[in-house]
């Protein structure tokens, strides 16, 4: 009997320690699983919130194209098309679409554009050489919305085309056209830019 009591008294602390170890391990495992579930719930809520916000954000695509309709009395007749593709679920207003066209004359040597800016801190003019072609001749710089229009709007899911026809002197061989799309209450526009060769169909580029 004393031997049994001795054995029990010896095993009891060991059993208690072992059971405590198992319980502690189980608690840590439960905490880890609970933390993983919380993290997954947070990630799910974050995705849902992002998806909801995306539904209420603008998704717009802009493009610019040109077509030489013909030639008359020393001028090319060119039609420009600025396209706004509203892929969002919100209507978008535009206060202006500004078309800037710069040209390169025939037989003119190609130069590269040298960017300049005034340093806002020092006030000094800084320059940076680029590999962009310099188009020295200003051909057009105006808002191509119809006269007296204060703005236009583009409904959700609509691809809106705005056309503008103008004449360009025949001595211009290439043009760089830039369209600036100005939003309501947004000071800086989104832009679309493209270079075009001025020639009629089947006419070789200069």
N, C-alpha and C. Protein backbone atom coordinates (compact mmCIF):
# COMPACT_ATOMS: atom_id res chain seq x y z
N UNK A 1 0.83 -1.21 0.00
CA UNK A 1 0.00 0.00 0.00
C UNK A 1 0.86 1.25 0.00
N UNK A 2 1.89 1.22 0.78
CA UNK A 2 2.81 2.37 0.84
C UNK A 2 3.50 2.57 -0.50
N UNK A 3 3.79 1.44 -1.15
CA UNK A 3 4.45 1.53 -2.47
C UNK A 3 3.52 2.20 -3.47
N UNK A 4 2.24 1.81 -3.42
CA UNK A 4 1.26 2.41 -4.34
C UNK A 4 1.12 3.90 -4.08
N UNK A 5 1.05 4.26 -2.78
CA UNK A 5 0.94 5.68 -2.44
C UNK A 5 2.18 6.45 -2.91
N UNK A 6 3.34 5.80 -2.80
CA UNK A 6 4.58 6.44 -3.24
C UNK A 6 4.55 6.68 -4.75
N UNK A 7 4.07 5.64 -5.45
CA UNK A 7 4.02 5.76 -6.91
C UNK A 7 3.04 6.85 -7.31
N UNK A 8 1.88 6.88 -6.66
CA UNK A 8 0.88 7.90 -6.97
C UNK A 8 1.38 9.30 -6.65
N UNK A 9 2.05 9.42 -5.51
CA UNK A 9 2.56 10.74 -5.13
C UNK A 9 3.65 11.21 -6.09
N UNK A 10 4.34 10.26 -6.69
CA UNK A 10 5.39 10.62 -7.65
C UNK A 10 4.80 10.98 -9.01
N UNK A 11 3.77 10.20 -9.42
CA UNK A 11 3.19 10.42 -10.75
C UNK A 11 2.27 11.64 -10.81
N UNK A 12 1.65 11.97 -9.68
CA UNK A 12 0.66 13.06 -9.70
C UNK A 12 1.25 14.37 -10.22
N UNK A 13 2.40 14.85 -9.74
CA UNK A 13 2.95 16.10 -10.28
C UNK A 13 3.28 16.02 -11.78
N UNK A 14 3.76 14.80 -12.16
CA UNK A 14 4.10 14.62 -13.59
C UNK A 14 2.85 14.72 -14.45
N UNK A 15 1.79 14.06 -13.98
CA UNK A 15 0.53 14.11 -14.73
C UNK A 15 0.00 15.53 -14.80
N UNK A 16 0.09 16.24 -13.66
CA UNK A 16 -0.40 17.63 -13.63
C UNK A 16 0.38 18.51 -14.61
N UNK A 17 1.71 18.33 -14.59
CA UNK A 17 2.55 19.11 -15.52
C UNK A 17 2.22 18.78 -16.97
N UNK A 18 2.04 17.50 -17.25
CA UNK A 18 1.74 17.06 -18.62
C UNK A 18 0.39 17.61 -19.08
N UNK A 19 -0.61 17.51 -18.19
CA UNK A 19 -1.93 18.03 -18.54
C UNK A 19 -1.89 19.55 -18.75
N UNK A 20 -1.09 20.22 -17.88
CA UNK A 20 -0.93 21.67 -18.06
C UNK A 20 -0.28 22.01 -19.39
N UNK A 21 0.71 21.19 -19.79
CA UNK A 21 1.37 21.39 -21.09
C UNK A 21 0.38 21.23 -22.23
N UNK A 22 -0.44 20.15 -22.18
CA UNK A 22 -1.42 19.92 -23.22
C UNK A 22 -2.45 21.05 -23.29
N UNK A 23 -2.91 21.50 -22.11
CA UNK A 23 -3.88 22.58 -22.07
C UNK A 23 -3.31 23.87 -22.64
N UNK A 24 -2.06 24.19 -22.26
CA UNK A 24 -1.41 25.41 -22.75
C UNK A 24 -1.22 25.36 -24.27
N UNK A 25 -0.83 24.17 -24.76
CA UNK A 25 -0.64 24.00 -26.20
C UNK A 25 -1.96 24.18 -26.94
N UNK A 26 -3.02 23.62 -26.36
CA UNK A 26 -4.34 23.74 -26.99
C UNK A 26 -4.82 25.19 -27.01
N UNK A 27 -4.56 25.91 -25.91
CA UNK A 27 -4.97 27.32 -25.84
C UNK A 27 -4.23 28.15 -26.88
N UNK A 28 -2.91 27.89 -27.04
CA UNK A 28 -2.13 28.64 -28.03
C UNK A 28 -2.63 28.33 -29.44
N UNK A 29 -2.99 27.05 -29.69
CA UNK A 29 -3.50 26.68 -31.00
C UNK A 29 -4.84 27.37 -31.28
N UNK A 30 -5.70 27.44 -30.26
CA UNK A 30 -6.98 28.12 -30.41
C UNK A 30 -6.79 29.61 -30.66
N UNK A 31 -5.80 30.22 -29.96
CA UNK A 31 -5.52 31.64 -30.17
C UNK A 31 -5.01 31.89 -31.58
N UNK A 32 -4.15 30.98 -32.07
CA UNK A 32 -3.62 31.14 -33.41
C UNK A 32 -4.73 31.01 -34.45
N UNK A 33 -5.62 30.04 -34.28
CA UNK A 33 -6.73 29.86 -35.20
C UNK A 33 -7.67 31.05 -35.15
N UNK A 34 -7.91 31.57 -33.94
CA UNK A 34 -8.77 32.74 -33.80
C UNK A 34 -8.16 33.95 -34.48
N UNK A 35 -6.84 34.11 -34.34
CA UNK A 35 -6.16 35.23 -34.98
C UNK A 35 -6.21 35.11 -36.50
N UNK A 36 -6.06 33.89 -37.01
CA UNK A 36 -6.15 33.67 -38.46
C UNK A 36 -7.54 34.00 -38.98
N UNK A 37 -8.58 33.61 -38.21
CA UNK A 37 -9.94 33.92 -38.63
C UNK A 37 -10.18 35.42 -38.64
N UNK A 38 -9.66 36.11 -37.62
CA UNK A 38 -9.81 37.57 -37.58
C UNK A 38 -9.10 38.22 -38.77
N UNK A 39 -7.91 37.72 -39.09
CA UNK A 39 -7.17 38.28 -40.21
C UNK A 39 -7.90 38.05 -41.53
N UNK A 40 -8.46 36.85 -41.70
CA UNK A 40 -9.22 36.56 -42.91
C UNK A 40 -10.47 37.44 -43.01
N UNK A 41 -11.13 37.66 -41.87
CA UNK A 41 -12.31 38.53 -41.87
C UNK A 41 -11.94 39.96 -42.24
N UNK A 42 -10.80 40.43 -41.70
CA UNK A 42 -10.35 41.78 -42.04
C UNK A 42 -10.03 41.91 -43.52
N UNK A 43 -9.36 40.90 -44.08
CA UNK A 43 -9.02 40.92 -45.50
C UNK A 43 -10.27 40.88 -46.36
N UNK A 44 -11.26 40.08 -45.94
CA UNK A 44 -12.51 40.01 -46.69
C UNK A 44 -13.23 41.35 -46.67
N UNK A 45 -13.28 41.98 -45.49
CA UNK A 45 -13.93 43.29 -45.38
C UNK A 45 -13.18 44.34 -46.20
N UNK A 46 -11.85 44.24 -46.21
CA UNK A 46 -11.05 45.20 -46.98
C UNK A 46 -11.34 45.05 -48.48
N UNK A 47 -11.42 43.79 -48.95
CA UNK A 47 -11.74 43.57 -50.37
C UNK A 47 -13.13 44.08 -50.71
N UNK A 48 -14.08 43.81 -49.81
CA UNK A 48 -15.44 44.27 -50.05
C UNK A 48 -15.51 45.79 -50.08
N UNK A 49 -14.77 46.44 -49.16
CA UNK A 49 -14.76 47.90 -49.13
C UNK A 49 -14.11 48.46 -50.40
N UNK A 50 -13.01 47.84 -50.84
CA UNK A 50 -12.35 48.30 -52.06
C UNK A 50 -13.24 48.13 -53.28
N UNK A 51 -13.96 46.99 -53.32
CA UNK A 51 -14.87 46.77 -54.44
C UNK A 51 -15.99 47.80 -54.43
N UNK A 52 -16.50 48.10 -53.24
CA UNK A 52 -17.57 49.09 -53.14
C UNK A 52 -17.07 50.47 -53.54
N UNK A 53 -15.87 50.83 -53.08
CA UNK A 53 -15.31 52.14 -53.44
C UNK A 53 -15.04 52.22 -54.93
N UNK A 54 -14.59 51.11 -55.53
CA UNK A 54 -14.29 51.12 -56.96
C UNK A 54 -15.55 51.39 -57.78
N UNK A 55 -16.69 50.93 -57.27
CA UNK A 55 -17.94 51.21 -57.97
C UNK A 55 -18.25 52.70 -57.99
N UNK A 56 -17.72 53.43 -57.03
CA UNK A 56 -18.01 54.86 -56.91
C UNK A 56 -16.80 55.72 -57.29
N UNK A 57 -15.89 55.15 -58.07
CA UNK A 57 -14.75 55.90 -58.57
C UNK A 57 -14.83 55.95 -60.09
N UNK A 58 -14.19 56.98 -60.64
CA UNK A 58 -14.20 57.15 -62.09
C UNK A 58 -13.16 56.25 -62.74
N UNK A 59 -13.57 55.60 -63.81
CA UNK A 59 -12.65 54.82 -64.65
C UNK A 59 -12.87 55.30 -66.08
N UNK A 60 -11.93 56.12 -66.54
CA UNK A 60 -12.07 56.79 -67.84
C UNK A 60 -10.88 56.49 -68.72
N UNK A 61 -11.16 56.33 -70.00
CA UNK A 61 -10.10 56.16 -71.00
C UNK A 61 -10.21 57.27 -72.04
N UNK A 62 -9.05 57.79 -72.44
CA UNK A 62 -9.02 58.89 -73.41
C UNK A 62 -8.15 58.49 -74.60
N UNK A 63 -8.56 58.90 -75.78
CA UNK A 63 -7.76 58.65 -76.98
C UNK A 63 -7.95 59.79 -77.97
N UNK A 64 -7.05 59.84 -78.94
CA UNK A 64 -7.06 60.91 -79.93
C UNK A 64 -6.68 60.33 -81.28
N UNK A 65 -7.43 60.71 -82.30
CA UNK A 65 -7.13 60.23 -83.65
C UNK A 65 -7.31 61.37 -84.65
N UNK A 66 -6.76 61.17 -85.84
CA UNK A 66 -6.85 62.20 -86.88
C UNK A 66 -7.00 61.54 -88.24
N UNK A 67 -7.70 62.24 -89.14
CA UNK A 67 -7.92 61.74 -90.51
C UNK A 67 -7.76 62.91 -91.48
N UNK A 68 -6.87 62.71 -92.46
CA UNK A 68 -6.69 63.72 -93.50
C UNK A 68 -7.78 63.49 -94.55
N UNK A 69 -8.71 64.45 -94.63
CA UNK A 69 -9.83 64.30 -95.56
C UNK A 69 -9.44 64.66 -96.99
N UNK A 70 -8.49 65.57 -97.15
CA UNK A 70 -8.09 65.97 -98.49
C UNK A 70 -7.14 67.16 -98.44
N UNK A 71 -6.94 67.75 -99.60
CA UNK A 71 -6.03 68.88 -99.73
C UNK A 71 -6.70 69.93 -100.61
N UNK A 72 -6.56 71.20 -100.20
CA UNK A 72 -7.21 72.26 -100.99
C UNK A 72 -6.46 73.57 -100.81
N UNK A 73 -6.02 74.15 -101.94
CA UNK A 73 -5.38 75.46 -102.00
C UNK A 73 -4.29 75.63 -100.94
N UNK A 74 -3.39 74.67 -100.91
CA UNK A 74 -2.23 74.78 -100.03
C UNK A 74 -2.45 74.34 -98.60
N UNK A 75 -3.57 73.71 -98.32
CA UNK A 75 -3.86 73.26 -96.96
C UNK A 75 -4.36 71.81 -96.95
N UNK A 76 -3.98 71.10 -95.90
CA UNK A 76 -4.60 69.82 -95.61
C UNK A 76 -5.85 70.06 -94.78
N UNK A 77 -6.93 69.35 -95.10
CA UNK A 77 -8.14 69.40 -94.30
C UNK A 77 -8.14 68.17 -93.39
N UNK A 78 -8.06 68.41 -92.10
CA UNK A 78 -7.85 67.33 -91.15
C UNK A 78 -8.98 67.31 -90.12
N UNK A 79 -9.49 66.11 -89.87
CA UNK A 79 -10.52 65.93 -88.85
C UNK A 79 -9.92 65.19 -87.66
N UNK A 80 -10.00 65.80 -86.48
CA UNK A 80 -9.52 65.19 -85.24
C UNK A 80 -10.70 64.64 -84.45
N UNK A 81 -10.50 63.50 -83.81
CA UNK A 81 -11.53 62.89 -82.97
C UNK A 81 -10.95 62.59 -81.60
N UNK A 82 -11.49 63.27 -80.59
CA UNK A 82 -11.12 63.00 -79.19
C UNK A 82 -12.19 62.09 -78.60
N UNK A 83 -11.77 61.00 -77.98
CA UNK A 83 -12.72 60.01 -77.47
C UNK A 83 -12.61 59.90 -75.96
N UNK A 84 -13.77 59.91 -75.29
CA UNK A 84 -13.87 59.69 -73.85
C UNK A 84 -14.69 58.42 -73.65
N UNK A 85 -14.07 57.41 -73.05
CA UNK A 85 -14.76 56.15 -72.77
C UNK A 85 -14.98 56.06 -71.26
N UNK A 86 -16.24 56.25 -70.85
CA UNK A 86 -16.56 56.24 -69.42
C UNK A 86 -16.92 54.82 -68.99
N UNK A 87 -15.97 54.13 -68.36
CA UNK A 87 -16.17 52.74 -67.94
C UNK A 87 -16.66 52.64 -66.50
N UNK A 88 -16.89 53.76 -65.87
CA UNK A 88 -17.35 53.75 -64.48
C UNK A 88 -18.87 53.77 -64.44
N UNK A 89 -19.42 53.82 -63.22
CA UNK A 89 -20.87 53.87 -63.05
C UNK A 89 -21.34 55.27 -62.68
N UNK A 90 -20.47 56.25 -62.95
CA UNK A 90 -20.78 57.62 -62.58
C UNK A 90 -20.74 58.52 -63.82
N UNK A 91 -21.63 59.49 -63.87
CA UNK A 91 -21.60 60.50 -64.93
C UNK A 91 -20.43 61.44 -64.67
N UNK A 92 -19.75 61.85 -65.75
CA UNK A 92 -18.59 62.73 -65.60
C UNK A 92 -18.76 63.97 -66.45
N UNK A 93 -18.49 65.13 -65.82
CA UNK A 93 -18.57 66.41 -66.52
C UNK A 93 -17.18 66.86 -66.94
N UNK A 94 -17.11 67.49 -68.12
CA UNK A 94 -15.87 68.05 -68.64
C UNK A 94 -16.11 69.51 -69.00
N UNK A 95 -15.23 70.37 -68.53
CA UNK A 95 -15.37 71.80 -68.79
C UNK A 95 -14.67 72.23 -70.08
N UNK A 96 -13.71 71.44 -70.54
CA UNK A 96 -13.00 71.80 -71.77
C UNK A 96 -12.24 70.58 -72.28
N UNK A 97 -12.03 70.56 -73.58
CA UNK A 97 -11.12 69.61 -74.21
C UNK A 97 -10.21 70.44 -75.10
N UNK A 98 -9.00 70.63 -74.65
CA UNK A 98 -8.09 71.55 -75.34
C UNK A 98 -7.17 70.77 -76.27
N UNK A 99 -7.21 71.15 -77.55
CA UNK A 99 -6.39 70.49 -78.56
C UNK A 99 -5.20 71.38 -78.92
N UNK A 100 -4.03 70.84 -78.71
CA UNK A 100 -2.79 71.55 -79.07
C UNK A 100 -2.11 70.77 -80.19
N UNK A 101 -1.83 71.48 -81.29
CA UNK A 101 -1.18 70.84 -82.44
C UNK A 101 0.09 71.60 -82.75
N UNK A 102 1.19 70.89 -82.79
CA UNK A 102 2.47 71.47 -83.17
C UNK A 102 3.00 70.69 -84.37
N UNK A 103 3.66 71.43 -85.28
CA UNK A 103 4.04 70.82 -86.55
C UNK A 103 5.53 70.83 -86.82
N UNK A 104 5.91 69.98 -87.77
CA UNK A 104 7.29 69.91 -88.27
C UNK A 104 7.22 70.15 -89.77
N UNK A 105 7.92 71.20 -90.22
CA UNK A 105 7.87 71.56 -91.63
C UNK A 105 8.72 70.61 -92.47
N UNK A 106 8.32 70.49 -93.75
CA UNK A 106 9.07 69.67 -94.68
C UNK A 106 10.50 70.20 -94.82
N UNK A 107 11.43 69.27 -94.99
CA UNK A 107 12.85 69.58 -95.18
C UNK A 107 13.49 70.19 -93.93
N UNK A 108 12.78 70.20 -92.80
CA UNK A 108 13.36 70.75 -91.57
C UNK A 108 14.15 69.67 -90.85
N UNK A 109 15.34 70.03 -90.40
CA UNK A 109 16.16 69.07 -89.65
C UNK A 109 15.46 68.72 -88.33
N UNK A 110 15.54 67.45 -87.97
CA UNK A 110 14.89 66.99 -86.74
C UNK A 110 15.72 67.42 -85.53
N UNK A 111 15.06 68.03 -84.58
CA UNK A 111 15.69 68.42 -83.32
C UNK A 111 14.99 67.69 -82.17
N UNK A 112 15.72 67.55 -81.07
CA UNK A 112 15.15 66.93 -79.88
C UNK A 112 14.74 68.01 -78.89
N UNK A 113 13.64 67.76 -78.22
CA UNK A 113 13.07 68.73 -77.29
C UNK A 113 13.90 68.82 -76.02
N UNK A 114 14.15 70.05 -75.61
CA UNK A 114 14.88 70.32 -74.37
C UNK A 114 13.89 70.89 -73.36
N UNK A 115 13.60 70.10 -72.33
CA UNK A 115 12.60 70.50 -71.33
C UNK A 115 13.17 71.57 -70.42
N UNK A 116 12.33 72.55 -70.08
CA UNK A 116 12.74 73.63 -69.18
C UNK A 116 11.68 73.83 -68.11
N UNK A 117 12.13 74.18 -66.91
CA UNK A 117 11.21 74.51 -65.83
C UNK A 117 11.91 75.44 -64.85
N UNK A 118 11.11 76.20 -64.13
CA UNK A 118 11.64 77.10 -63.11
C UNK A 118 11.59 76.39 -61.78
N UNK A 119 12.76 76.26 -61.15
CA UNK A 119 12.83 75.59 -59.86
C UNK A 119 12.05 76.38 -58.82
N UNK A 120 11.02 75.77 -58.19
CA UNK A 120 10.18 76.51 -57.23
C UNK A 120 10.93 76.96 -55.98
N UNK A 121 12.05 76.32 -55.69
CA UNK A 121 12.81 76.68 -54.49
C UNK A 121 13.87 77.73 -54.75
N UNK A 122 14.62 77.55 -55.85
CA UNK A 122 15.72 78.48 -56.14
C UNK A 122 15.32 79.58 -57.12
N UNK A 123 14.27 79.33 -57.91
CA UNK A 123 13.86 80.30 -58.92
C UNK A 123 14.69 80.22 -60.19
N UNK A 124 15.67 79.33 -60.22
CA UNK A 124 16.51 79.19 -61.40
C UNK A 124 15.85 78.31 -62.45
N UNK A 125 16.15 78.59 -63.73
CA UNK A 125 15.61 77.81 -64.84
C UNK A 125 16.47 76.56 -65.01
N UNK A 126 15.82 75.40 -64.94
CA UNK A 126 16.52 74.13 -65.12
C UNK A 126 16.19 73.56 -66.49
N UNK A 127 17.15 72.87 -67.09
CA UNK A 127 16.96 72.26 -68.40
C UNK A 127 17.30 70.78 -68.34
N UNK A 128 16.61 70.02 -69.17
CA UNK A 128 16.88 68.59 -69.27
C UNK A 128 16.69 68.14 -70.71
N UNK A 129 17.72 67.55 -71.28
CA UNK A 129 17.64 67.06 -72.65
C UNK A 129 16.82 65.78 -72.70
N UNK A 130 15.93 65.68 -73.70
CA UNK A 130 15.11 64.48 -73.86
C UNK A 130 15.36 63.88 -75.24
N UNK A 131 14.76 62.72 -75.48
CA UNK A 131 14.81 62.09 -76.80
C UNK A 131 13.50 62.28 -77.56
N UNK A 132 12.66 63.18 -77.08
CA UNK A 132 11.41 63.49 -77.76
C UNK A 132 11.66 64.45 -78.92
N UNK A 133 10.97 64.20 -80.03
CA UNK A 133 11.12 65.07 -81.19
C UNK A 133 10.50 66.43 -80.90
N UNK A 134 11.20 67.48 -81.30
CA UNK A 134 10.72 68.85 -81.09
C UNK A 134 9.92 69.29 -82.32
N UNK A 135 8.68 69.71 -82.09
CA UNK A 135 7.81 70.23 -83.14
C UNK A 135 7.71 71.74 -82.94
N UNK A 136 8.45 72.52 -83.72
CA UNK A 136 8.58 73.96 -83.42
C UNK A 136 7.41 74.84 -83.84
N UNK A 137 6.56 74.38 -84.76
CA UNK A 137 5.51 75.24 -85.32
C UNK A 137 4.19 75.03 -84.57
N UNK A 138 3.66 76.11 -84.01
CA UNK A 138 2.34 76.03 -83.37
C UNK A 138 1.26 76.14 -84.44
N UNK A 139 0.44 75.10 -84.54
CA UNK A 139 -0.61 75.05 -85.55
C UNK A 139 -1.96 75.40 -84.95
N UNK A 140 -2.24 74.90 -83.76
CA UNK A 140 -3.55 75.09 -83.16
C UNK A 140 -3.43 74.94 -81.64
N UNK A 141 -4.20 75.73 -80.91
CA UNK A 141 -4.27 75.61 -79.45
C UNK A 141 -5.60 76.20 -79.01
N UNK A 142 -6.63 75.35 -78.93
CA UNK A 142 -7.95 75.87 -78.57
C UNK A 142 -8.84 74.77 -78.00
N UNK A 143 -9.89 75.23 -77.35
CA UNK A 143 -10.90 74.33 -76.80
C UNK A 143 -11.79 73.85 -77.94
N UNK A 144 -11.90 72.54 -78.12
CA UNK A 144 -12.64 72.02 -79.28
C UNK A 144 -14.10 71.69 -78.94
N UNK A 145 -14.54 72.03 -77.72
CA UNK A 145 -15.97 71.94 -77.46
C UNK A 145 -16.69 72.98 -78.31
N UNK A 146 -17.92 72.74 -78.70
CA UNK A 146 -18.65 73.73 -79.51
C UNK A 146 -18.67 75.09 -78.83
N UNK A 147 -18.63 76.17 -79.60
CA UNK A 147 -18.63 77.52 -79.03
C UNK A 147 -19.82 77.75 -78.08
N UNK A 148 -19.52 78.44 -76.99
CA UNK A 148 -20.50 78.83 -75.97
C UNK A 148 -20.98 77.66 -75.10
N UNK A 149 -20.41 76.49 -75.29
CA UNK A 149 -20.73 75.38 -74.39
C UNK A 149 -19.88 75.52 -73.14
N UNK A 150 -20.52 75.47 -71.98
CA UNK A 150 -19.78 75.57 -70.72
C UNK A 150 -19.17 74.22 -70.32
N UNK A 151 -19.82 73.13 -70.68
CA UNK A 151 -19.29 71.81 -70.36
C UNK A 151 -20.06 70.76 -71.15
N UNK A 152 -19.55 69.52 -71.07
CA UNK A 152 -20.28 68.37 -71.59
C UNK A 152 -20.24 67.29 -70.51
N UNK A 153 -21.16 66.36 -70.58
CA UNK A 153 -21.13 65.24 -69.64
C UNK A 153 -21.18 63.94 -70.42
N UNK A 154 -20.57 62.91 -69.82
CA UNK A 154 -20.55 61.58 -70.43
C UNK A 154 -21.17 60.61 -69.45
N UNK A 155 -22.24 59.97 -69.87
CA UNK A 155 -22.97 59.03 -69.02
C UNK A 155 -22.17 57.74 -68.83
N UNK A 156 -22.46 57.00 -67.74
CA UNK A 156 -21.77 55.72 -67.51
C UNK A 156 -21.95 54.75 -68.68
N UNK A 157 -20.86 54.09 -69.04
CA UNK A 157 -20.91 53.11 -70.12
C UNK A 157 -20.95 53.68 -71.52
N UNK A 158 -20.79 55.00 -71.64
CA UNK A 158 -20.89 55.66 -72.94
C UNK A 158 -19.49 56.01 -73.46
N UNK A 159 -19.28 55.79 -74.75
CA UNK A 159 -18.05 56.23 -75.42
C UNK A 159 -18.41 57.47 -76.25
N UNK A 160 -17.94 58.63 -75.78
CA UNK A 160 -18.29 59.91 -76.40
C UNK A 160 -17.19 60.36 -77.35
N UNK A 161 -17.57 60.69 -78.59
CA UNK A 161 -16.63 61.17 -79.59
C UNK A 161 -16.87 62.65 -79.84
N UNK A 162 -15.80 63.44 -79.80
CA UNK A 162 -15.87 64.87 -80.09
C UNK A 162 -14.96 65.13 -81.29
N UNK A 163 -15.54 65.63 -82.36
CA UNK A 163 -14.75 65.85 -83.57
C UNK A 163 -14.46 67.34 -83.75
N UNK A 164 -13.35 67.60 -84.43
CA UNK A 164 -12.92 68.98 -84.68
C UNK A 164 -12.19 68.99 -86.02
N UNK A 165 -12.67 69.79 -86.95
CA UNK A 165 -12.06 69.87 -88.28
C UNK A 165 -11.33 71.19 -88.43
N UNK A 166 -10.13 71.11 -88.99
CA UNK A 166 -9.33 72.32 -89.17
C UNK A 166 -8.46 72.16 -90.40
N UNK A 167 -7.76 73.24 -90.75
CA UNK A 167 -6.84 73.20 -91.89
C UNK A 167 -5.42 73.40 -91.40
N UNK A 168 -4.48 72.71 -92.06
CA UNK A 168 -3.08 72.78 -91.68
C UNK A 168 -2.27 73.05 -92.94
N UNK A 169 -1.36 74.02 -92.90
CA UNK A 169 -0.59 74.37 -94.10
C UNK A 169 0.11 73.16 -94.72
N UNK A 170 0.18 73.17 -96.03
CA UNK A 170 0.73 72.04 -96.78
C UNK A 170 2.22 71.84 -96.54
N UNK A 171 2.89 72.89 -96.04
CA UNK A 171 4.33 72.76 -95.81
C UNK A 171 4.64 72.00 -94.51
N UNK A 172 3.61 71.62 -93.75
CA UNK A 172 3.79 70.82 -92.54
C UNK A 172 3.70 69.35 -92.92
N UNK A 173 4.70 68.58 -92.55
CA UNK A 173 4.72 67.16 -92.92
C UNK A 173 4.26 66.25 -91.78
N UNK A 174 4.62 66.61 -90.54
CA UNK A 174 4.22 65.80 -89.37
C UNK A 174 3.68 66.74 -88.29
N UNK A 175 2.75 66.21 -87.52
CA UNK A 175 2.21 66.98 -86.40
C UNK A 175 2.20 66.13 -85.14
N UNK A 176 2.29 66.81 -84.01
CA UNK A 176 2.10 66.18 -82.70
C UNK A 176 0.86 66.80 -82.09
N UNK A 177 -0.17 65.98 -81.90
CA UNK A 177 -1.44 66.47 -81.37
C UNK A 177 -1.60 65.99 -79.93
N UNK A 178 -1.98 66.92 -79.06
CA UNK A 178 -2.20 66.61 -77.65
C UNK A 178 -3.58 67.12 -77.25
N UNK A 179 -4.39 66.24 -76.70
CA UNK A 179 -5.72 66.63 -76.22
C UNK A 179 -5.70 66.61 -74.69
N UNK A 180 -6.11 67.73 -74.09
CA UNK A 180 -6.21 67.83 -72.64
C UNK A 180 -7.67 67.80 -72.23
N UNK A 181 -8.04 66.83 -71.40
CA UNK A 181 -9.43 66.66 -70.96
C UNK A 181 -9.55 67.24 -69.55
N UNK A 182 -10.29 68.35 -69.42
CA UNK A 182 -10.41 69.07 -68.16
C UNK A 182 -11.71 68.68 -67.45
N UNK A 183 -11.56 68.19 -66.21
CA UNK A 183 -12.71 67.82 -65.40
C UNK A 183 -13.24 69.03 -64.64
N UNK A 184 -14.44 68.86 -64.12
CA UNK A 184 -14.98 69.84 -63.19
C UNK A 184 -14.22 69.76 -61.87
N UNK A 185 -13.76 70.92 -61.38
CA UNK A 185 -13.06 71.03 -60.09
C UNK A 185 -11.72 70.30 -60.05
N UNK A 186 -11.13 70.01 -61.20
CA UNK A 186 -9.80 69.40 -61.26
C UNK A 186 -8.91 70.31 -62.09
N UNK A 187 -7.85 70.90 -61.49
CA UNK A 187 -7.05 71.90 -62.21
C UNK A 187 -6.21 71.34 -63.34
N UNK A 188 -5.67 70.11 -63.17
CA UNK A 188 -4.80 69.54 -64.19
C UNK A 188 -5.57 68.51 -65.02
N UNK A 189 -5.40 68.55 -66.33
CA UNK A 189 -6.17 67.63 -67.18
C UNK A 189 -5.49 66.28 -67.34
N UNK A 190 -6.28 65.29 -67.76
CA UNK A 190 -5.71 64.08 -68.32
C UNK A 190 -5.45 64.37 -69.80
N UNK A 191 -4.46 63.70 -70.36
CA UNK A 191 -4.09 64.00 -71.74
C UNK A 191 -3.97 62.72 -72.58
N UNK A 192 -4.14 62.91 -73.87
CA UNK A 192 -3.87 61.88 -74.87
C UNK A 192 -3.04 62.54 -75.96
N UNK A 193 -1.99 61.86 -76.40
CA UNK A 193 -1.05 62.47 -77.35
C UNK A 193 -0.71 61.47 -78.44
N UNK A 194 -0.58 61.99 -79.67
CA UNK A 194 -0.26 61.11 -80.79
C UNK A 194 0.36 61.91 -81.93
N UNK A 195 1.29 61.28 -82.65
CA UNK A 195 1.93 61.92 -83.80
C UNK A 195 1.28 61.39 -85.08
N UNK A 196 1.11 62.29 -86.05
CA UNK A 196 0.49 61.92 -87.32
C UNK A 196 1.33 62.45 -88.48
N UNK A 197 1.35 61.67 -89.56
CA UNK A 197 1.94 62.13 -90.82
C UNK A 197 0.83 62.76 -91.65
N UNK A 198 1.08 63.95 -92.18
CA UNK A 198 0.07 64.63 -93.00
C UNK A 198 0.26 64.21 -94.45
N UNK A 199 -0.62 63.35 -94.89
CA UNK A 199 -0.60 62.90 -96.28
C UNK A 199 -1.97 62.33 -96.61
N UNK A 200 -2.30 62.36 -97.89
CA UNK A 200 -3.54 61.75 -98.33
C UNK A 200 -3.34 60.26 -98.51
N UNK A 201 -4.45 59.53 -98.64
CA UNK A 201 -4.38 58.09 -98.79
C UNK A 201 -3.53 57.73 -100.01
N UNK A 202 -2.67 56.74 -99.82
CA UNK A 202 -1.76 56.23 -100.87
C UNK A 202 -0.65 57.23 -101.22
N UNK A 203 -0.57 58.32 -100.48
CA UNK A 203 0.50 59.29 -100.72
C UNK A 203 1.65 58.97 -99.77
N UNK A 204 2.89 58.86 -100.26
CA UNK A 204 4.00 58.52 -99.36
C UNK A 204 4.27 59.66 -98.40
N UNK A 205 4.67 59.29 -97.17
CA UNK A 205 5.03 60.30 -96.17
C UNK A 205 6.33 60.97 -96.57
N UNK A 206 6.46 62.25 -96.23
CA UNK A 206 7.65 63.03 -96.58
C UNK A 206 8.76 62.70 -95.60
